[in-house]
Amino acid sequence: MARFPPAVGGLRFRLVVAFALVAVVSALTTGALAFREARTSVLQQSQDAVIKQFRDSVDALAPQIPARPDQQRLQSLVTEVARAHQSQGWQVLASYGDLRAGSSGPGPFRLLTADLRQSVRTRPNAVFQRVSVYGRSRLVVGLPVVYDTGQALPSALSGVVLYLIVPQSAEQAYVGAIVAAIEHAALWALAPAVLLALLAARGVLRPVRALRRATRRMAEGDLGVRLAVRGSDELADLSRSFNETAAALERSVTELRRLEAQARRFVADVSHELRTPLAAMSAVTDVLDDELPGLDRETADAVGLVSEETGRLIRLVDDLMEISRFDAGAVRLNLDEIDLAESVRRTLASRGWLDRVDARLPEPGALRAQVDPRRLDVVVANLVGNALRHGEPPVVVRLTVPDGQKEGAWVLIEVADHGRGIPQAALPHIFERFYKADSTRTRSESSGLGLAITAENVRLHGGRLRVENGAGALAAGGAGTDAREAAIRGAVFTVELPLRRQSPARAAGDPAGLAGKPPARCPADAAGERPGRS
């Protein structure tokens, strides 16, 4: 389907075209009616004048016409009538029985129709008609010569009939002038009609444009925008309805925000209040764990269960407090230029995952970037831990810079497993809080916040985080994908971080990027929080 440019398909254009069409149709209709009346009047007036002059001329010569005129007398009669009106271009014809005479020869007799001749021979009245000869209109008048038989009796036909053929050039010129005047009038009427249409369209579209600006501001989050209501027409009703809708929406959003803030404060307060007793419980369970070898089996199982559940509760509280900091906007990055491969390797080693993970990392010192070391540790730990718990070995961790990218590009951290992958319907929601891809898995070591915290940390670095199943990852891998990756069917999480680096001079003076600096700690570390894990 053909699409018109916005200016052509816009409401202003359509209003102007509609006004112009109405103006043109009105002008043409009025002009056509005026033309018809003027043309009829002109032709009728001209026709009556010609017939009267012809009748007067014939009446003046009728007494000289014998009862049985011969060819010479008929020719003399038409010559005299034509000569009297030579300036008007009259062509006069006469007939009596089989005799024919014409002021310019008998040729014009072909213009007389059979109906006209029959009517003139049988009726004592003048008969006329208009004929067109080579596109020029001519008036043909037939006038029988009659005998006056007295007032009580009808006139008697003498058998002599005179015909008059008159060109109507003057009348045609006059009608042509009328048509030209109407055309000019229509054209002149079009210009003010377009101007009026523009003014009318401007008045009609002003509230529409205001409504469009208001809806855009509302879409951008300005719920306090309102329209000025003027008048009581449909546009005023539309503006009033918009204001009522905006007010209702603002109230609803304000209430939702208030409830959301209240819920966040509640979660943050509860989490904070739980930390102190949980710390005491953790200390007790640590002591009990040390005494496990001396306890009987049932007591040892109970102590182990308490210790495990206490650890889960501590991780949940830690994750809730971390999410609360993100919601409150209280999280700040402590950037440091570090060796990314070494950082990932330390994350795996500190959790005892080096033997369970296939780490494909560049050589030490080959890839450095400015990141928050603690939050990068959280990102890698959450993704690898998630792959170990829900995927199948081997879990692959790869750290690369895409081929062809130079300074200022992105560094990729990919974590893949060989499990069943994530259901397609769950992929768009996998980073939502407390979302579980498997609804039957209601209880696990994770808090349901690990991936959400990972996404927030990546976003805080200005990066991107995505997940796809093996087939999609293979497509992204391209020619560089090796044979082992080609067999991946599980989930592949990809972290893209901007490859920010310090200036060469600073890097040369401090190759490690850490000299003379205290260990980077985020607010969570300062509060003694443990790294979050999904």
Protein backbone atom coordinates (compact mmCIF):
# COMPACT_ATOMS: atom_id res chain seq x y z
CA MET A 1 0.00 0.00 0.00
CA ALA A 2 1.41 3.35 -1.05
CA ARG A 3 2.38 5.66 1.81
CA PHE A 4 2.25 9.43 1.52
CA PRO A 5 4.78 11.80 3.08
CA PRO A 6 3.66 13.07 6.52
CA ALA A 7 3.04 16.60 5.17
CA VAL A 8 0.79 15.29 2.38
CA GLY A 9 -1.17 12.90 4.59
CA GLY A 10 -1.41 15.35 7.49
CA LEU A 11 -4.59 16.85 8.84
CA ARG A 12 -3.58 20.37 7.73
CA PHE A 13 -3.12 19.25 4.12
CA ARG A 14 -6.43 17.45 4.08
CA LEU A 15 -8.28 20.43 5.54
CA VAL A 16 -6.76 22.79 2.97
CA VAL A 17 -7.61 20.44 0.10
CA ALA A 18 -11.16 20.02 1.39
CA PHE A 19 -11.68 23.78 1.67
CA ALA A 20 -10.21 24.32 -1.81
CA LEU A 21 -12.42 21.64 -3.33
CA VAL A 22 -15.51 23.10 -1.70
CA ALA A 23 -14.59 26.56 -2.96
CA VAL A 24 -13.93 25.33 -6.52
CA VAL A 25 -17.10 23.24 -6.66
CA SER A 26 -19.15 26.13 -5.29
CA ALA A 27 -17.64 28.58 -7.78
CA LEU A 28 -18.13 26.22 -10.71
CA THR A 29 -21.70 25.40 -9.73
CA THR A 30 -22.60 29.05 -9.32
CA GLY A 31 -20.83 29.88 -12.56
CA ALA A 32 -22.63 27.10 -14.45
CA LEU A 33 -26.02 28.28 -13.26
CA ALA A 34 -25.18 31.91 -14.07
CA PHE A 35 -23.85 30.87 -17.47
CA ARG A 36 -26.98 28.95 -18.32
CA GLU A 37 -29.26 31.86 -17.40
CA ALA A 38 -27.10 34.44 -19.18
CA ARG A 39 -26.77 32.31 -22.31
CA THR A 40 -30.51 31.71 -22.49
CA SER A 41 -31.23 35.39 -22.02
CA VAL A 42 -28.73 36.46 -24.67
CA LEU A 43 -29.92 33.98 -27.27
CA GLN A 44 -33.59 34.61 -26.56
CA GLN A 45 -33.15 38.36 -26.89
CA SER A 46 -31.16 38.03 -30.11
CA GLN A 47 -33.62 35.53 -31.54
CA ASP A 48 -36.67 37.71 -30.80
CA ALA A 49 -35.00 40.75 -32.36
CA VAL A 50 -34.05 38.90 -35.54
CA ILE A 51 -37.50 37.33 -35.98
CA LYS A 52 -39.16 40.73 -35.50
CA GLN A 53 -36.90 42.38 -38.07
CA PHE A 54 -37.47 39.53 -40.53
CA ARG A 55 -41.21 39.65 -40.09
CA ASP A 56 -41.29 43.44 -40.52
CA SER A 57 -39.23 43.19 -43.71
CA VAL A 58 -41.45 40.47 -45.15
CA ASP A 59 -44.64 42.31 -44.15
CA ALA A 60 -43.38 45.43 -45.93
CA LEU A 61 -42.83 43.49 -49.19
CA ALA A 62 -45.72 41.05 -48.95
CA PRO A 63 -48.28 43.29 -50.76
CA GLN A 64 -46.00 43.26 -53.80
CA ILE A 65 -45.91 39.47 -54.00
CA PRO A 66 -48.30 38.12 -56.64
CA ALA A 67 -50.57 35.17 -55.87
CA ARG A 68 -48.48 32.96 -58.16
CA PRO A 69 -44.94 34.34 -58.15
CA ASP A 70 -42.44 33.14 -60.73
CA GLN A 71 -38.71 32.44 -60.23
CA GLN A 72 -37.73 35.99 -61.05
CA ARG A 73 -40.13 37.47 -58.56
CA LEU A 74 -38.94 35.15 -55.78
CA GLN A 75 -35.33 36.05 -56.53
CA SER A 76 -36.18 39.74 -56.47
CA LEU A 77 -37.96 39.31 -53.14
CA VAL A 78 -35.03 37.60 -51.37
CA THR A 79 -32.55 40.05 -52.85
CA GLU A 80 -34.45 43.05 -51.50
CA VAL A 81 -34.74 41.56 -48.02
CA ALA A 82 -31.07 40.56 -47.89
CA ARG A 83 -29.91 43.93 -49.18
CA ALA A 84 -31.82 45.74 -46.40
CA HIS A 85 -29.85 43.76 -43.77
CA GLN A 86 -26.59 43.26 -45.60
CA SER A 87 -24.55 44.45 -42.59
CA GLN A 88 -26.04 41.69 -40.45
CA GLY A 89 -24.97 38.92 -42.86
CA TRP A 90 -28.49 37.71 -43.61
CA GLN A 91 -28.97 34.88 -46.07
CA VAL A 92 -32.56 34.92 -47.32
CA LEU A 93 -34.25 32.03 -49.11
CA ALA A 94 -37.72 31.73 -50.64
CA SER A 95 -39.74 28.82 -51.98
CA TYR A 96 -43.01 28.45 -53.76
CA GLY A 97 -43.93 24.98 -54.86
CA ASP A 98 -40.88 23.68 -56.71
CA LEU A 99 -39.37 27.12 -57.19
CA ARG A 100 -36.31 28.04 -55.09
CA ALA A 101 -34.51 31.36 -54.75
CA GLY A 102 -31.68 32.46 -52.49
CA SER A 103 -29.81 35.70 -51.87
CA SER A 104 -26.52 33.80 -52.11
CA GLY A 105 -27.69 30.94 -54.30
CA PRO A 106 -29.72 27.83 -53.46
CA GLY A 107 -26.89 26.21 -51.50
CA PRO A 108 -28.07 27.22 -48.03
CA PHE A 109 -31.28 25.23 -48.57
CA ARG A 110 -29.38 22.19 -47.31
CA LEU A 111 -29.37 23.73 -43.85
CA LEU A 112 -33.16 23.57 -43.69
CA THR A 113 -34.34 20.45 -41.97
CA ALA A 114 -37.36 18.52 -43.14
CA ASP A 115 -39.18 19.17 -39.88
CA LEU A 116 -38.69 22.92 -40.25
CA ARG A 117 -39.97 22.92 -43.82
CA GLN A 118 -42.96 20.78 -42.95
CA SER A 119 -43.85 22.98 -39.97
CA VAL A 120 -43.65 26.21 -42.00
CA ARG A 121 -45.81 24.79 -44.81
CA THR A 122 -48.59 23.70 -42.49
CA ARG A 123 -48.67 26.45 -39.82
CA PRO A 124 -49.12 30.19 -40.28
CA ASN A 125 -46.47 31.01 -37.68
CA ALA A 126 -42.78 31.70 -37.69
CA VAL A 127 -40.63 28.70 -36.87
CA PHE A 128 -36.97 28.79 -35.91
CA GLN A 129 -34.15 26.49 -34.94
CA ARG A 130 -30.42 26.67 -34.37
CA VAL A 131 -27.98 24.68 -36.44
CA SER A 132 -24.23 24.28 -36.23
CA VAL A 133 -22.15 24.67 -39.39
CA TYR A 134 -18.47 23.87 -38.97
CA GLY A 135 -18.70 24.63 -35.28
CA ARG A 136 -20.46 27.96 -35.74
CA SER A 137 -24.01 28.45 -34.56
CA ARG A 138 -26.60 29.84 -36.97
CA LEU A 139 -30.21 30.81 -36.42
CA VAL A 140 -32.62 29.53 -39.06
CA VAL A 141 -36.07 31.16 -39.23
CA GLY A 142 -38.94 30.04 -41.42
CA LEU A 143 -41.76 32.53 -42.08
CA PRO A 144 -44.79 31.71 -44.29
CA VAL A 145 -46.55 34.49 -46.23
CA VAL A 146 -50.26 34.40 -45.36
CA TYR A 147 -53.41 36.11 -46.51
CA ASP A 148 -55.43 38.02 -43.99
CA THR A 149 -58.97 36.66 -44.28
CA GLY A 150 -60.52 38.82 -41.55
CA GLN A 151 -60.66 38.75 -37.77
CA ALA A 152 -63.11 35.88 -37.49
CA LEU A 153 -61.20 33.51 -39.77
CA PRO A 154 -57.67 32.16 -39.49
CA SER A 155 -55.00 33.38 -41.87
CA ALA A 156 -54.60 31.45 -45.11
CA LEU A 157 -51.23 30.19 -46.35
CA SER A 158 -50.14 31.67 -49.68
CA GLY A 159 -47.64 28.90 -50.39
CA VAL A 160 -44.75 31.35 -50.39
CA VAL A 161 -42.26 30.68 -47.59
CA LEU A 162 -39.25 32.80 -46.74
CA TYR A 163 -36.31 31.51 -44.76
CA LEU A 164 -33.63 33.46 -42.98
CA ILE A 165 -30.19 32.14 -41.98
CA VAL A 166 -28.30 34.42 -39.58
CA PRO A 167 -24.83 33.74 -38.14
CA GLN A 168 -24.67 34.12 -34.35
CA SER A 169 -21.03 35.08 -34.12
CA ALA A 170 -21.72 38.01 -31.78
CA GLU A 171 -23.80 35.86 -29.48
CA GLN A 172 -21.12 33.14 -29.46
CA ALA A 173 -18.47 35.71 -28.61
CA TYR A 174 -20.61 37.02 -25.79
CA VAL A 175 -21.18 33.51 -24.41
CA GLY A 176 -17.45 32.81 -24.68
CA ALA A 177 -16.75 35.96 -22.69
CA ILE A 178 -19.13 34.74 -20.00
CA VAL A 179 -17.36 31.37 -19.81
CA ALA A 180 -13.95 33.07 -19.55
CA ALA A 181 -15.26 35.35 -16.81
CA ILE A 182 -16.55 32.36 -14.86
CA GLU A 183 -13.22 30.55 -15.21
CA HIS A 184 -11.34 33.60 -13.96
CA ALA A 185 -13.78 33.99 -11.11
CA ALA A 186 -13.22 30.35 -10.09
CA LEU A 187 -9.46 30.80 -10.14
CA TRP A 188 -9.63 34.01 -8.14
CA ALA A 189 -11.98 32.35 -5.69
CA LEU A 190 -9.48 29.53 -5.17
CA ALA A 191 -6.75 31.78 -3.73
CA PRO A 192 -8.84 33.29 -0.89
CA ALA A 193 -10.36 29.86 -0.29
CA VAL A 194 -6.89 28.38 0.29
CA LEU A 195 -6.00 31.31 2.55
CA LEU A 196 -9.17 30.87 4.56
CA ALA A 197 -8.49 27.14 4.69
CA LEU A 198 -5.02 27.75 6.11
CA LEU A 199 -6.42 30.08 8.75
CA ALA A 200 -9.19 27.65 9.62
CA ALA A 201 -6.76 24.72 9.71
CA ARG A 202 -4.47 26.68 12.00
CA GLY A 203 -7.30 27.33 14.40
CA VAL A 204 -8.45 23.72 14.30
CA LEU A 205 -4.97 22.23 14.59
CA ARG A 206 -3.75 24.45 17.43
CA PRO A 207 -5.45 22.31 20.12
CA VAL A 208 -4.34 19.15 18.29
CA ARG A 209 -0.72 20.28 18.32
CA ALA A 210 -1.00 21.19 21.99
CA LEU A 211 -2.43 17.74 22.68
CA ARG A 212 0.44 16.10 20.79
CA ARG A 213 3.05 18.04 22.78
CA ALA A 214 1.27 17.18 26.01
CA THR A 215 1.14 13.46 25.22
CA ARG A 216 4.85 13.47 24.38
CA ARG A 217 5.70 15.18 27.67
CA MET A 218 3.53 12.67 29.48
CA ALA A 219 5.28 9.80 27.69
CA GLU A 220 8.58 11.27 28.89
CA GLY A 221 7.33 11.14 32.47
CA ASP A 222 5.90 14.63 33.00
CA LEU A 223 2.55 13.66 34.49
CA GLY A 224 1.81 17.21 35.61
CA VAL A 225 1.23 18.47 32.07
CA ARG A 226 -2.24 19.90 31.42
CA LEU A 227 -4.02 21.52 28.46
CA ALA A 228 -5.71 24.93 28.46
CA VAL A 229 -9.44 24.42 27.82
CA ARG A 230 -10.97 27.11 25.62
CA GLY A 231 -14.58 27.18 24.42
CA SER A 232 -17.11 24.39 24.57
CA ASP A 233 -16.66 22.55 21.29
CA GLU A 234 -15.46 19.00 20.66
CA LEU A 235 -11.81 20.00 20.92
CA ALA A 236 -12.48 21.60 24.30
CA ASP A 237 -14.13 18.34 25.41
CA LEU A 238 -11.08 16.44 24.17
CA SER A 239 -8.74 18.73 26.13
CA ARG A 240 -10.90 18.38 29.23
CA SER A 241 -10.88 14.58 28.90
CA PHE A 242 -7.10 14.60 28.50
CA ASN A 243 -6.70 16.69 31.66
CA GLU A 244 -8.97 14.35 33.62
CA THR A 245 -7.08 11.31 32.34
CA ALA A 246 -3.72 12.89 33.13
CA ALA A 247 -4.87 13.80 36.64
CA ALA A 248 -6.13 10.26 37.26
CA LEU A 249 -2.90 8.80 35.89
CA GLU A 250 -0.80 11.14 38.03
CA ARG A 251 -2.71 10.14 41.16
CA SER A 252 -2.32 6.44 40.35
CA VAL A 253 1.39 6.72 39.59
CA THR A 254 2.00 8.81 42.71
CA GLU A 255 0.22 6.24 44.82
CA LEU A 256 2.14 3.39 43.16
CA ARG A 257 5.42 5.18 43.71
CA ARG A 258 4.54 5.82 47.31
CA LEU A 259 3.67 2.16 47.85
CA GLU A 260 6.81 1.06 46.00
CA ALA A 261 9.02 3.33 48.08
CA GLN A 262 7.27 2.13 51.20
CA ALA A 263 7.86 -1.49 50.20
CA ARG A 264 11.52 -0.81 49.48
CA ARG A 265 11.99 0.91 52.81
CA PHE A 266 10.28 -2.01 54.51
CA VAL A 267 12.55 -4.54 52.80
CA ALA A 268 15.64 -2.47 53.54
CA ASP A 269 14.65 -1.98 57.18
CA VAL A 270 13.80 -5.63 57.69
CA SER A 271 17.03 -6.75 56.04
CA HIS A 272 19.03 -4.36 58.16
CA GLU A 273 17.33 -5.47 61.35
CA LEU A 274 17.91 -9.11 60.47
CA ARG A 275 21.64 -8.72 59.99
CA THR A 276 22.49 -8.44 63.69
CA PRO A 277 20.66 -11.58 64.88
CA LEU A 278 21.82 -13.43 61.75
CA ALA A 279 25.41 -12.54 62.52
CA ALA A 280 24.97 -13.99 66.02
CA MET A 281 23.29 -17.08 64.59
CA SER A 282 26.13 -17.49 62.08
CA ALA A 283 28.69 -17.31 64.87
CA VAL A 284 26.80 -19.98 66.82
CA THR A 285 26.48 -22.26 63.78
CA ASP A 286 30.19 -21.84 63.09
CA VAL A 287 30.92 -23.06 66.61
CA LEU A 288 28.48 -25.93 66.25
CA ASP A 289 30.01 -26.86 62.89
CA ASP A 290 33.35 -27.22 64.66
CA GLU A 291 31.71 -29.59 67.15
CA LEU A 292 30.08 -31.79 64.53
CA PRO A 293 32.61 -34.69 64.83
CA GLY A 294 31.66 -35.11 68.52
CA LEU A 295 27.92 -35.07 68.05
CA ASP A 296 25.63 -38.02 67.48
CA ARG A 297 24.19 -38.46 63.96
CA GLU A 298 20.76 -36.99 64.55
CA THR A 299 22.17 -33.96 66.33
CA ALA A 300 24.81 -33.50 63.63
CA ASP A 301 22.14 -33.61 60.88
CA ALA A 302 20.07 -31.04 62.75
CA VAL A 303 23.08 -28.78 63.28
CA GLY A 304 24.03 -29.10 59.59
CA LEU A 305 20.48 -28.18 58.54
CA VAL A 306 20.44 -25.15 60.82
CA SER A 307 23.83 -24.05 59.54
CA GLU A 308 22.78 -24.44 55.90
CA GLU A 309 19.50 -22.56 56.33
CA THR A 310 21.26 -19.82 58.28
CA GLY A 311 23.70 -19.40 55.41
CA ARG A 312 20.83 -19.18 52.88
CA LEU A 313 19.06 -16.62 55.02
CA ILE A 314 22.23 -14.53 55.31
CA ARG A 315 22.70 -14.60 51.53
CA LEU A 316 19.06 -13.60 51.00
CA VAL A 317 19.39 -10.67 53.39
CA ASP A 318 22.63 -9.60 51.75
CA ASP A 319 21.03 -9.70 48.29
CA LEU A 320 17.98 -7.79 49.51
CA MET A 321 20.17 -5.05 50.95
CA GLU A 322 22.17 -4.89 47.72
CA ILE A 323 18.99 -4.53 45.67
CA SER A 324 17.78 -1.84 48.07
CA ARG A 325 20.98 0.12 47.47
CA PHE A 326 20.48 -0.08 43.71
CA ASP A 327 16.87 1.08 44.06
CA ALA A 328 17.93 3.97 46.27
CA GLY A 329 20.68 4.99 43.84
CA ALA A 330 23.23 4.67 46.62
CA VAL A 331 25.65 2.43 44.69
CA ARG A 332 28.80 4.02 43.27
CA LEU A 333 31.62 2.43 41.28
CA ASN A 334 35.17 2.33 42.63
CA LEU A 335 36.99 2.01 39.35
CA ASP A 336 40.47 0.60 39.13
CA GLU A 337 42.52 -0.55 36.20
CA ILE A 338 43.11 -4.23 36.70
CA ASP A 339 44.11 -7.33 34.79
CA LEU A 340 40.74 -8.77 33.82
CA ALA A 341 41.99 -12.32 33.27
CA GLU A 342 43.66 -12.38 36.67
CA SER A 343 40.51 -11.00 38.30
CA VAL A 344 38.34 -13.73 36.73
CA ARG A 345 40.89 -16.38 37.71
CA ARG A 346 40.90 -15.17 41.34
CA THR A 347 37.09 -15.31 41.40
CA LEU A 348 37.11 -18.94 40.28
CA ALA A 349 39.96 -19.90 42.61
CA SER A 350 38.45 -18.25 45.70
CA ARG A 351 35.32 -20.38 45.28
CA GLY A 352 37.13 -23.60 44.35
CA TRP A 353 35.77 -23.66 40.81
CA LEU A 354 39.00 -23.89 38.83
CA ASP A 355 38.66 -27.68 38.45
CA ARG A 356 35.00 -27.44 37.46
CA VAL A 357 35.23 -24.65 34.92
CA ASP A 358 36.91 -24.54 31.51
CA ALA A 359 38.49 -21.06 31.76
CA ARG A 360 39.72 -19.68 28.42
CA LEU A 361 41.46 -16.52 29.51
CA PRO A 362 44.16 -14.45 27.83
CA GLU A 363 47.70 -14.34 29.13
CA PRO A 364 48.27 -12.31 32.34
CA GLY A 365 48.58 -8.58 31.56
CA ALA A 366 47.20 -8.95 28.03
CA LEU A 367 43.82 -7.43 28.80
CA ARG A 368 43.46 -4.59 31.29
CA ALA A 369 40.50 -2.28 31.85
CA GLN A 370 39.01 0.07 34.41
CA VAL A 371 36.31 -1.73 36.38
CA ASP A 372 35.11 -2.04 39.95
CA PRO A 373 36.99 -5.21 41.05
CA ARG A 374 34.50 -6.18 43.71
CA ARG A 375 31.47 -5.81 41.44
CA LEU A 376 33.23 -7.66 38.60
CA ASP A 377 33.81 -10.47 41.10
CA VAL A 378 30.07 -10.48 41.89
CA VAL A 379 29.16 -10.58 38.18
CA VAL A 380 31.47 -13.50 37.35
CA ALA A 381 30.63 -15.43 40.54
CA ASN A 382 26.86 -15.12 39.99
CA LEU A 383 27.02 -16.22 36.35
CA VAL A 384 29.39 -19.14 36.93
CA GLY A 385 27.55 -20.24 40.08
CA ASN A 386 24.27 -20.11 38.21
CA ALA A 387 25.73 -22.24 35.37
CA LEU A 388 27.14 -24.82 37.82
CA ARG A 389 23.85 -25.14 39.69
CA HIS A 390 21.35 -25.17 36.81
CA GLY A 391 23.44 -26.24 33.80
CA GLU A 392 25.57 -29.26 33.05
CA PRO A 393 29.36 -29.51 32.84
CA PRO A 394 31.59 -28.46 31.38
CA VAL A 395 30.99 -24.80 32.15
CA VAL A 396 33.04 -22.55 29.87
CA VAL A 397 34.23 -19.06 30.81
CA ARG A 398 35.80 -17.04 28.02
CA LEU A 399 37.26 -13.55 28.14
CA THR A 400 37.84 -11.89 24.74
CA VAL A 401 37.88 -8.67 22.80
CA PRO A 402 35.95 -9.05 19.50
CA ASP A 403 38.19 -9.17 16.45
CA GLY A 404 38.72 -5.88 14.67
CA GLN A 405 37.85 -3.68 17.64
CA LYS A 406 40.37 -1.10 18.76
CA GLU A 407 40.84 1.06 21.82
CA GLY A 408 37.55 2.14 23.35
CA ALA A 409 35.78 -1.03 22.25
CA TRP A 410 34.12 -3.68 24.38
CA VAL A 411 35.40 -6.68 26.29
CA LEU A 412 33.25 -9.83 26.35
CA ILE A 413 32.88 -12.23 29.26
CA GLU A 414 30.96 -15.31 28.18
CA VAL A 415 29.74 -18.03 30.55
CA ALA A 416 28.24 -21.10 28.88
CA ASP A 417 27.11 -24.51 30.05
CA HIS A 418 26.06 -27.72 28.30
CA GLY A 419 22.66 -28.16 29.92
CA ARG A 420 19.19 -28.01 28.41
CA GLY A 421 19.24 -24.26 28.13
CA ILE A 422 16.57 -21.81 29.25
CA PRO A 423 13.01 -22.13 27.93
CA GLN A 424 12.42 -19.59 25.20
CA ALA A 425 9.45 -18.07 27.04
CA ALA A 426 11.63 -17.45 30.12
CA LEU A 427 14.49 -15.66 28.34
CA PRO A 428 12.88 -12.14 28.43
CA HIS A 429 12.28 -12.47 32.20
CA ILE A 430 15.45 -14.18 33.31
CA PHE A 431 16.91 -11.00 34.83
CA GLU A 432 13.74 -10.09 36.76
CA ARG A 433 13.84 -10.29 40.53
CA PHE A 434 12.74 -13.60 42.10
CA TYR A 435 12.00 -15.02 38.65
CA LYS A 436 12.50 -18.75 38.30
CA ALA A 437 12.62 -20.29 34.83
CA ASP A 438 11.42 -23.62 36.23
CA SER A 439 8.19 -23.12 38.18
CA THR A 440 8.59 -26.55 39.79
CA ARG A 441 11.93 -25.45 41.28
CA THR A 442 10.55 -23.48 44.21
CA ARG A 443 13.51 -23.92 46.53
CA SER A 444 17.24 -23.78 45.82
CA GLU A 445 20.44 -22.27 47.16
CA SER A 446 19.86 -19.09 45.21
CA SER A 447 17.83 -16.17 46.48
CA GLY A 448 16.29 -15.37 43.09
CA LEU A 449 18.13 -12.05 43.05
CA GLY A 450 21.54 -13.09 41.74
CA LEU A 451 20.92 -12.40 38.04
CA ALA A 452 19.08 -9.17 38.86
CA ILE A 453 22.07 -7.98 40.90
CA THR A 454 24.39 -9.05 38.07
CA ALA A 455 22.38 -7.02 35.55
CA GLU A 456 22.48 -3.96 37.83
CA ASN A 457 26.25 -4.23 38.26
CA VAL A 458 26.80 -4.53 34.50
CA ARG A 459 24.50 -1.57 33.87
CA LEU A 460 26.41 0.42 36.48
CA HIS A 461 29.58 -0.14 34.44
CA GLY A 462 27.81 1.13 31.30
CA GLY A 463 27.77 -2.38 29.87
CA ARG A 464 25.23 -4.82 28.53
CA LEU A 465 24.14 -8.27 29.64
CA ARG A 466 22.30 -10.76 27.46
CA VAL A 467 21.46 -14.43 27.49
CA GLU A 468 20.68 -16.87 24.73
CA ASN A 469 20.73 -20.56 24.20
CA GLY A 470 23.52 -22.43 22.43
CA ALA A 471 22.24 -22.08 18.88
CA GLY A 472 22.19 -18.29 19.13
CA ALA A 473 25.60 -18.21 20.74
CA LEU A 474 27.05 -20.26 17.89
CA ALA A 475 25.66 -17.75 15.39
CA ALA A 476 27.33 -14.93 17.29
CA GLY A 477 30.60 -16.85 17.50
CA GLY A 478 31.06 -16.95 13.73
CA ALA A 479 34.17 -18.41 12.17
CA GLY A 480 36.14 -18.23 15.42
CA THR A 481 33.89 -20.72 17.21
CA ASP A 482 35.80 -23.89 17.94
CA ALA A 483 34.58 -27.48 17.86
CA ARG A 484 33.83 -27.70 21.58
CA GLU A 485 31.66 -24.58 21.55
CA ALA A 486 29.83 -25.94 18.52
CA ALA A 487 28.41 -28.64 20.81
CA ILE A 488 27.01 -26.14 23.33
CA ARG A 489 23.27 -26.44 23.78
CA GLY A 490 22.91 -24.77 27.17
CA ALA A 491 22.54 -21.15 28.17
CA VAL A 492 25.20 -18.61 27.22
CA PHE A 493 25.42 -15.41 29.28
CA THR A 494 27.40 -12.61 27.65
CA VAL A 495 28.65 -9.56 29.54
CA GLU A 496 29.81 -6.62 27.42
CA LEU A 497 31.88 -4.05 29.29
CA PRO A 498 33.38 -0.88 27.84
CA LEU A 499 37.14 -1.28 27.53
CA ARG A 500 38.15 1.84 29.46
CA ARG A 501 41.85 2.21 30.21
CA GLN A 502 44.10 4.68 31.95
CA SER A 503 46.39 6.96 29.98
CA PRO A 504 49.67 5.34 28.77
CA ALA A 505 51.77 7.64 30.99
CA ARG A 506 49.90 6.62 34.12
CA ALA A 507 49.95 2.98 33.11
CA ALA A 508 53.74 3.16 32.55
CA GLY A 509 54.34 4.64 35.98
CA ASP A 510 52.06 2.15 37.67
CA PRO A 511 51.91 -1.04 35.63
CA ALA A 512 49.77 -2.86 38.12
CA GLY A 513 47.41 0.05 38.50
CA LEU A 514 47.13 -0.71 42.18
CA ALA A 515 50.26 0.71 43.70
CA GLY A 516 49.70 3.20 46.48
CA LYS A 517 45.96 2.60 46.56
CA PRO A 518 43.85 0.98 49.20
CA PRO A 519 41.90 -2.09 48.13
CA ALA A 520 38.76 -1.06 46.26
CA ARG A 521 35.68 -1.47 48.40
CA CYS A 522 32.13 -0.62 47.56
CA PRO A 523 29.61 0.54 50.19
CA ALA A 524 28.50 -3.06 50.64
CA ASP A 525 32.05 -4.14 51.42
CA ALA A 526 32.42 -1.29 53.86
CA ALA A 527 29.41 -2.67 55.68
CA GLY A 528 30.97 -6.09 55.86
CA GLU A 529 28.72 -7.63 53.19
CA ARG A 530 29.79 -10.85 51.52
CA PRO A 531 29.86 -11.14 47.74
CA GLY A 532 26.39 -11.87 46.40
CA ARG A 533 25.73 -15.17 44.64
CA SER A 534 22.70 -16.29 42.77
